Each structure stands twice: as structure tokens, then as C-alpha cells.
Protein backbone atom coordinates (compact mmCIF):
# COMPACT_ATOMS: atom_id res chain seq x y z
CA MET A 1 29.17 25.21 12.47
CA PHE A 2 29.02 25.93 9.26
CA ILE A 3 27.62 22.86 7.91
CA GLN A 4 25.35 22.21 10.76
CA VAL A 5 23.70 25.91 9.95
CA VAL A 6 23.77 24.40 6.38
CA LEU A 7 22.02 20.72 7.74
CA ALA A 8 19.71 23.13 9.98
CA LEU A 9 18.24 25.30 7.16
CA ASP A 10 17.90 22.36 4.37
CA TYR A 11 15.96 20.63 7.42
CA ALA A 12 13.47 23.42 8.00
CA LEU A 13 13.41 25.14 4.41
CA TYR A 14 13.40 21.91 1.85
CA PRO A 15 11.33 21.45 -0.81
CA LEU A 16 11.19 25.19 -0.79
CA GLY A 17 7.63 26.26 -3.58
CA GLU A 18 5.78 24.53 -6.02
CA THR A 19 7.86 21.64 -8.27
CA SER A 20 7.58 21.89 -11.99
CA ALA A 21 6.59 18.24 -12.31
CA PRO A 22 3.60 17.76 -13.79
CA LYS A 23 0.50 15.88 -12.00
CA PHE A 24 0.21 12.04 -13.13
CA ASP A 25 -3.36 11.72 -11.69
CA SER A 26 -5.22 9.01 -13.53
CA ALA A 27 -7.84 8.50 -11.05
CA GLN A 28 -6.44 5.29 -10.41
CA ASN A 29 -5.08 5.86 -6.82
CA GLY A 30 -5.32 3.35 -3.88
CA VAL A 31 -6.59 3.98 -0.06
CA TRP A 32 -6.67 1.99 2.74
CA LEU A 33 -10.17 1.87 4.81
CA ALA A 34 -10.53 0.71 8.38
CA PHE A 35 -12.32 -2.39 9.90
CA ASP A 36 -15.25 -0.32 10.61
CA PHE A 37 -16.72 -1.33 7.05
CA ALA A 38 -16.10 -4.90 6.86
CA GLN A 39 -17.83 -5.34 10.19
CA GLY A 40 -21.05 -3.10 9.76
CA LYS A 41 -19.97 -0.66 11.93
CA SER A 42 -19.32 2.33 9.97
CA LYS A 43 -21.43 5.47 10.36
CA GLU A 44 -20.77 6.31 6.73
CA THR A 45 -23.11 4.11 4.32
CA PRO A 46 -22.14 2.33 1.02
CA PRO A 47 -23.60 5.41 -1.93
CA HIS A 48 -21.91 8.27 0.37
CA LEU A 49 -18.48 6.18 0.30
CA ALA A 50 -18.58 5.28 -3.13
CA ALA A 51 -19.42 9.01 -4.45
CA ARG A 52 -16.52 10.33 -1.40
CA MET A 53 -14.11 8.22 -3.30
CA ARG A 54 -14.67 8.90 -6.71
CA ASP A 55 -14.68 12.62 -5.70
CA GLU A 56 -10.65 12.18 -4.69
CA GLY A 57 -9.73 9.82 -8.04
CA PHE A 58 -9.57 6.17 -5.81
CA LYS A 59 -10.06 3.38 -7.63
CA ASP A 60 -9.03 0.59 -5.38
CA LEU A 61 -9.93 0.73 -2.03
CA TYR A 62 -7.91 -2.38 0.84
CA PHE A 63 -10.83 -2.63 3.75
CA HIS A 64 -9.24 -3.53 6.59
CA VAL A 65 -10.35 -7.27 7.64
CA ARG A 66 -7.90 -7.33 10.58
CA TYR A 67 -5.25 -10.73 11.12
CA ILE A 68 -4.33 -13.88 10.71
CA GLY A 69 -3.85 -15.34 13.58
CA GLU A 70 -1.09 -18.30 14.52
CA SER A 71 -3.37 -20.94 13.83
CA GLY A 72 -4.15 -19.40 9.65
CA ARG A 73 -7.26 -18.81 10.65
CA LEU A 74 -8.50 -15.49 10.12
CA ARG A 75 -9.37 -14.07 13.83
CA TYR A 76 -12.38 -12.56 13.47
CA ASN A 77 -15.25 -13.65 11.60
CA ILE A 78 -17.27 -10.56 9.48
CA HIS A 79 -18.32 -12.82 6.58
CA GLN A 80 -21.71 -11.74 6.98
CA THR A 81 -21.43 -8.52 7.66
CA ALA A 82 -19.31 -8.16 4.54
CA ARG A 83 -21.32 -9.77 2.39
CA LYS A 84 -23.54 -6.91 2.94
CA PHE A 85 -22.08 -4.27 2.80
CA ASN A 86 -19.65 -5.42 -0.57
CA ALA A 87 -23.23 -6.29 -1.96
CA GLN A 88 -24.13 -2.47 -1.22
CA LEU A 89 -21.73 -0.45 -2.33
CA LYS A 90 -21.21 -2.80 -5.39
CA VAL A 91 -24.10 -1.14 -6.35
CA SER A 92 -23.20 2.17 -5.58
CA ASP A 93 -20.49 2.39 -7.38
CA PRO A 94 -19.71 -1.22 -9.40
CA LYS A 95 -16.17 0.45 -10.79
CA LEU A 96 -14.29 0.55 -7.45
CA ARG A 97 -12.56 -2.45 -6.81
CA ARG A 98 -12.48 -3.60 -3.57
CA PHE A 99 -9.99 -5.67 -1.94
CA ALA A 100 -9.78 -6.98 1.62
CA TRP A 101 -6.81 -5.82 3.09
CA LEU A 102 -5.75 -8.67 5.25
CA TYR A 103 -2.78 -8.39 7.51
CA ILE A 104 -0.03 -11.81 8.71
CA GLY A 105 2.53 -11.16 10.91
CA ASN A 106 6.03 -13.46 10.71
CA GLU A 107 7.95 -14.12 13.77
CA ARG A 108 8.61 -10.63 13.38
CA GLY A 109 5.93 -9.00 12.82
CA ILE A 110 3.05 -9.43 15.41
CA THR A 111 1.28 -12.77 15.58
CA GLY A 112 3.81 -15.33 14.54
CA VAL A 113 2.54 -17.11 11.25
CA ASP A 114 4.71 -19.58 10.41
CA ILE A 115 3.72 -19.45 6.67
CA ALA A 116 6.76 -22.21 6.37
CA ARG A 117 4.60 -24.74 7.18
CA PRO A 118 2.34 -26.39 4.44
CA GLU A 119 -1.02 -26.68 6.43
CA ILE A 120 -0.83 -23.04 7.62
CA ARG A 121 -0.51 -21.66 3.96
CA ALA A 122 -3.65 -24.04 3.17
CA ARG A 123 -5.61 -22.24 5.39
CA ILE A 124 -4.46 -18.78 4.65
CA VAL A 125 -5.58 -19.59 1.22
CA ASN A 126 -8.95 -20.72 2.01
CA GLU A 127 -9.53 -17.36 4.44
CA CYS A 128 -8.69 -15.55 1.38
CA SER A 129 -10.94 -17.57 -0.82
CA ASN A 130 -13.61 -16.97 1.73
CA LEU A 131 -13.30 -12.95 1.45
CA ILE A 132 -13.57 -13.02 -2.61
CA SER A 133 -16.53 -15.49 -1.36
CA ASP A 134 -17.60 -12.59 0.89
CA GLY A 135 -17.49 -10.11 -2.69
CA PHE A 136 -14.74 -8.83 -2.46
CA ASP A 137 -13.28 -8.52 -5.70
CA GLY A 138 -9.49 -9.19 -4.90
CA ILE A 139 -6.72 -9.59 -1.98
CA HIS A 140 -4.97 -6.94 -0.71
CA LEU A 141 -1.96 -9.23 1.23
CA ASP A 142 0.30 -6.86 4.16
CA TYR A 143 2.79 -9.97 5.02
CA GLU A 144 5.48 -8.58 7.18
CA ILE A 145 8.35 -8.08 8.24
CA CYS A 146 9.45 -9.32 4.76
CA SER A 147 12.52 -10.31 4.36
CA ASP A 148 14.46 -9.98 0.82
CA GLY A 149 14.58 -13.14 -0.72
CA ASP A 150 11.73 -15.11 1.48
CA ALA A 151 11.19 -17.99 -0.54
CA ASP A 152 8.17 -18.67 1.32
CA PHE A 153 5.97 -16.10 1.06
CA LEU A 154 6.60 -16.65 -2.73
CA THR A 155 5.31 -19.59 -2.16
CA LEU A 156 2.52 -18.56 -0.33
CA LEU A 157 1.64 -16.30 -3.17
CA ASP A 158 1.87 -19.27 -5.40
CA ASP A 159 -1.16 -20.52 -3.68
CA ILE A 160 -3.10 -18.03 -3.00
CA GLY A 161 -3.22 -16.94 -6.84
CA THR A 162 -4.13 -20.19 -8.24
CA ARG A 163 -6.86 -20.27 -5.93
CA ILE A 164 -8.25 -16.99 -6.29
CA GLN A 165 -7.37 -16.94 -10.53
CA GLY A 166 -9.44 -14.38 -11.96
CA HIS A 167 -9.30 -12.14 -8.59
CA PRO A 168 -6.20 -9.60 -8.60
CA LEU A 169 -4.13 -10.42 -6.39
CA SER A 170 -2.25 -6.73 -4.70
CA VAL A 171 0.43 -6.51 -2.35
CA ALA A 172 1.78 -4.42 0.60
CA THR A 173 5.32 -4.30 0.12
CA PRO A 174 9.25 -2.74 1.64
CA MET A 175 10.12 -0.31 -0.02
CA TRP A 176 13.61 -0.78 -2.22
CA LEU A 177 16.31 -0.72 -0.45
CA PRO A 178 20.32 -0.76 -1.22
CA SER A 179 21.80 -4.48 -0.71
CA PRO A 180 22.64 -4.20 3.10
CA LEU A 181 19.63 -3.51 3.74
CA GLY A 182 17.49 -6.88 3.02
CA ALA A 183 16.25 -7.18 6.13
CA TYR A 184 14.10 -4.56 5.55
CA GLY A 185 14.11 -3.21 2.02
CA TRP A 186 13.46 -5.62 -0.87
CA SER A 187 15.85 -5.68 -4.09
CA GLU A 188 14.85 -4.85 -7.45
CA ALA A 189 15.61 -9.24 -7.99
CA TYR A 190 12.98 -9.82 -5.68
CA PHE A 191 10.22 -7.45 -6.68
CA THR A 192 10.38 -9.05 -9.81
CA ARG A 193 9.55 -12.55 -8.61
CA VAL A 194 6.54 -11.32 -6.74
CA ALA A 195 5.74 -8.69 -9.30
CA ALA A 196 5.52 -12.08 -11.50
CA ARG A 197 2.70 -13.92 -9.14
CA SER A 198 0.71 -10.85 -8.53
CA ASP A 199 -1.48 -8.05 -10.31
CA GLN A 200 -0.21 -5.10 -8.27
CA ILE A 201 1.64 -3.42 -5.98
CA VAL A 202 1.76 -1.15 -3.48
CA VAL A 203 4.83 0.15 -1.97
CA MET A 204 4.15 1.32 1.56
CA ALA A 205 6.59 3.83 1.67
CA TYR A 206 6.57 5.27 4.83
CA ASP A 207 8.19 4.86 7.85
CA SER A 208 11.87 5.33 6.75
CA ALA A 209 13.08 6.32 9.60
CA LEU A 210 14.54 9.42 7.64
CA TYR A 211 14.83 12.62 9.57
CA PHE A 212 15.41 14.92 6.32
CA PRO A 213 12.68 15.62 3.74
CA ARG A 214 15.86 15.39 0.83
CA HIS A 215 16.31 11.81 1.68
CA TYR A 216 13.22 11.00 1.86
CA SER A 217 12.40 12.30 -1.05
CA TRP A 218 15.21 10.83 -2.91
CA LEU A 219 13.96 7.16 -1.33
CA ILE A 220 10.57 7.72 -2.83
CA ARG A 221 11.66 9.00 -5.62
CA GLN A 222 13.84 5.36 -5.47
CA GLN A 223 10.51 3.72 -5.48
CA CYS A 224 9.21 5.17 -8.73
CA TRP A 225 12.22 4.29 -10.89
CA ARG A 226 13.31 1.06 -9.30
CA VAL A 227 9.63 -0.99 -8.45
CA PRO A 228 8.50 -0.28 -12.17
CA SER A 229 11.90 -1.25 -14.03
CA ALA A 230 11.57 -4.39 -11.62
CA ALA A 231 7.75 -5.54 -12.86
CA LYS A 232 8.64 -4.44 -16.67
CA GLY A 233 7.64 -7.54 -18.98
CA THR A 234 5.34 -8.47 -16.08
CA ASN A 235 1.34 -8.22 -15.94
CA CYS A 236 1.57 -6.55 -12.11
CA ARG A 237 0.97 -2.84 -12.13
CA VAL A 238 2.83 -0.50 -9.33
CA ILE A 239 0.97 1.86 -7.04
CA ILE A 240 3.33 4.24 -4.48
CA GLY A 241 1.80 4.23 -0.67
CA VAL A 242 2.11 7.74 0.65
CA PRO A 243 2.37 9.36 3.82
CA SER A 244 -1.63 10.76 5.70
CA TYR A 245 -0.80 10.24 9.75
CA GLU A 246 1.00 11.64 13.17
CA ASP A 247 1.62 8.65 15.16
CA GLY A 248 3.74 6.36 13.56
CA GLY A 249 6.79 5.86 15.76
CA PRO A 250 10.68 6.66 15.51
CA SER A 251 10.87 5.16 12.18
CA HIS A 252 8.07 7.51 11.27
CA HIS A 253 9.46 11.27 11.39
CA LEU A 254 6.16 13.70 10.61
CA HIS A 255 8.61 16.85 9.07
CA SER A 256 10.01 14.62 6.78
CA GLU A 257 7.47 12.09 5.69
CA ASN A 258 4.88 13.64 5.21
CA LEU A 259 1.20 13.87 2.22
CA ARG A 260 2.71 17.53 0.98
CA VAL A 261 7.07 16.66 0.22
CA SER A 262 5.88 12.43 -0.71
CA LEU A 263 3.37 13.37 -3.49
CA ARG A 264 6.09 16.38 -4.86
CA ALA A 265 8.70 13.56 -4.51
CA VAL A 266 6.21 11.22 -6.57
CA ARG A 267 5.43 13.32 -9.51
CA GLU A 268 9.04 14.12 -9.82
CA GLY A 269 10.24 10.56 -9.56
CA LEU A 270 7.50 9.82 -12.86
CA VAL A 271 9.64 12.70 -14.70
CA ASP A 272 11.51 11.18 -17.85
CA ASN A 273 11.15 7.59 -16.15
CA PRO A 274 10.72 5.41 -19.17
CA ASN A 275 8.61 2.87 -16.58
CA ALA A 276 6.18 5.75 -15.77
CA ASN A 277 3.60 3.65 -17.66
CA LEU A 278 3.22 0.79 -15.26
CA VAL A 279 2.79 3.63 -12.12
CA ASP A 280 -0.96 3.47 -11.62
CA GLY A 281 -1.51 6.30 -9.19
CA VAL A 282 -0.42 6.50 -5.26
CA ALA A 283 -2.28 5.12 -2.44
CA LEU A 284 -2.98 7.16 1.08
CA PHE A 285 -2.10 5.51 3.58
CA ALA A 286 -4.53 6.18 5.21
CA ASP A 287 -8.48 7.02 4.88
CA TYR A 288 -9.18 6.92 8.88
CA SER A 289 -5.96 8.82 9.76
CA THR A 290 -6.23 11.88 6.79
CA LYS A 291 -6.83 15.21 9.15
CA PRO A 292 -8.81 18.28 6.65
CA SER A 293 -6.15 20.01 5.62
CA GLU A 294 -4.18 17.15 4.16
CA TRP A 295 -7.47 16.42 1.90
CA ILE A 296 -6.34 19.96 0.72
CA VAL A 297 -2.75 18.76 0.52
CA TRP A 298 -4.39 15.74 -1.77
CA ARG A 299 -6.35 17.81 -4.26
CA ARG A 300 -3.89 20.62 -4.44
CA ASP A 301 -1.24 18.84 -5.13
CA TRP A 302 -2.37 15.57 -6.87
CA ARG A 303 -5.64 16.30 -8.13
């Protein structure tokens, strides 16, 4: 009974008070944004968006362009609207980096794309090249579900990197997890191989299925140490993705996985961290799911 009471109190009360860890914000944060912008259907104008992003400390903007179908081609043709939007946003603020956020789901994901097939990879590479021609500064690749050691994904990164050379290649990744959980997370060794082929790693540090805030905080701190350590010696920068959404299924427990807990854990994870200089900031998932109360937490606990 005593242990149950202790666990219940820890679940309910952690973390108490404010952290003594300093803020590490340098206004180089990232944020995932809705498909409406690239599709030309957003009610928010590019000048207003640029000002809002700048004021909130975001530099890298990941605009959803939907997903790659089984054929290896982009499911929706947004090239004309994307070109117009990118041109307008660039005029509004050329310092903001505009990434095309491209989802690719394998047989364990949603869309069943087989990147082991060379012809499929070639089509994906062509789509990435077309998106760069549409005015995006770089590609933000979200390949799910990518197991630790996936060699086909490394080949795809090589192919895309060669084609879009001179433009940043960003990768949304699973979290580092201990070796028995390689089907769901990555080892430091695999992070190193991905870092060698990309310009930016954005760790999706959520959907952990952890129900205790203390455990989730520990896992976030591990990302802050292990992923930059793995990227050391490469030209890859690291960003830690943090959650600001509610509906995420059984793997997302809102009491533990929330903006307050995650931002605190990132700050604590960067204290006395020899590789903290490789971490540019955090990425908010997502702009379209962040409530007014969460924006207050963002400004108070990170900015």
C-alpha cells in the first residue's frame, strides 16, 4: 500500500515547482505546420505567418505537403500553390527556412511504400527535387515506422542528399531507446549513420507510451544527451521535438507528455551537457494543435 501511495503522489505531483535549469532558447526552433499553407487554403496570410513565427522564436518551418503513395509519387499536386506561397513567405521574411514536410509510410506505417525498390526511391527523389523547385529551402523527411538499422532508409537519404545538394535535408526521427526496443527506437550507432547523411535531425520525443511524468522526463533528457553525442563529428544539427497536442492514441498520455514537462526536461537535459552546442532548440508539434494556454507555457518556459 505504501508503494502505491508513493507512486500515486509522484504521478500527481511531479514535477513540483520551477526548474533551476537555464533557458537555452536561441530563436532557432522548429515547428510543424498544416497542409493548408502549401495547398493555398490557409486563412493566415504569409506576412502575418512570418511575423508570428519570428515573434515566437521559430526559424525552421516544416510545411506538410501530405504523403508519398505506394507508387513513390506525391499523393497531391500542390506545386502551383506551393510556388506562390513560398515566394510570398520569402518576401515576408527570407531568414525563415521553409521545409517541405514529406510523410512516407512503409508496411508498418500508413501507406505501404516499399523504399527497398530502386524505382520507388527514384520517384521519391524526383518528388523531393520538384519540391525544391517549388521554392522550399529544404526537405523534412518523415519515414515511418523506421526500425533501428534500416539500410534502405540510409540509401534513400544518400539518394535525396545527392539530388538536392546545397539544400538542407532534415529527418524526423524516433527517439533513442535501449537496444531491446530497436523496433520502436534507434541506437546511437544508427543515429550516427543518419546524421552523416543529413543536415538536421528532429527527434520526435513523444508517443512514448510512458504514463509517469518522471519517466517521460528521463527519456527526454536521454535524447538531449545521446542524440547530439551520436551526431558529434558530423555536420548535422539536432532539434528535440516536443508535444503540444491532445489526441494521440494510447501511446500519448497527456498527463506526462505535455509542453510543460517536455520543455523542462529539455532544459535539464542540456545542463552540463558537453554536446549541448549541437542542439539548436526544440520543435513544436504542432502549430495547428497548440492551444492558447500552451502558447503561454511556450513563452514562459522556453522563450
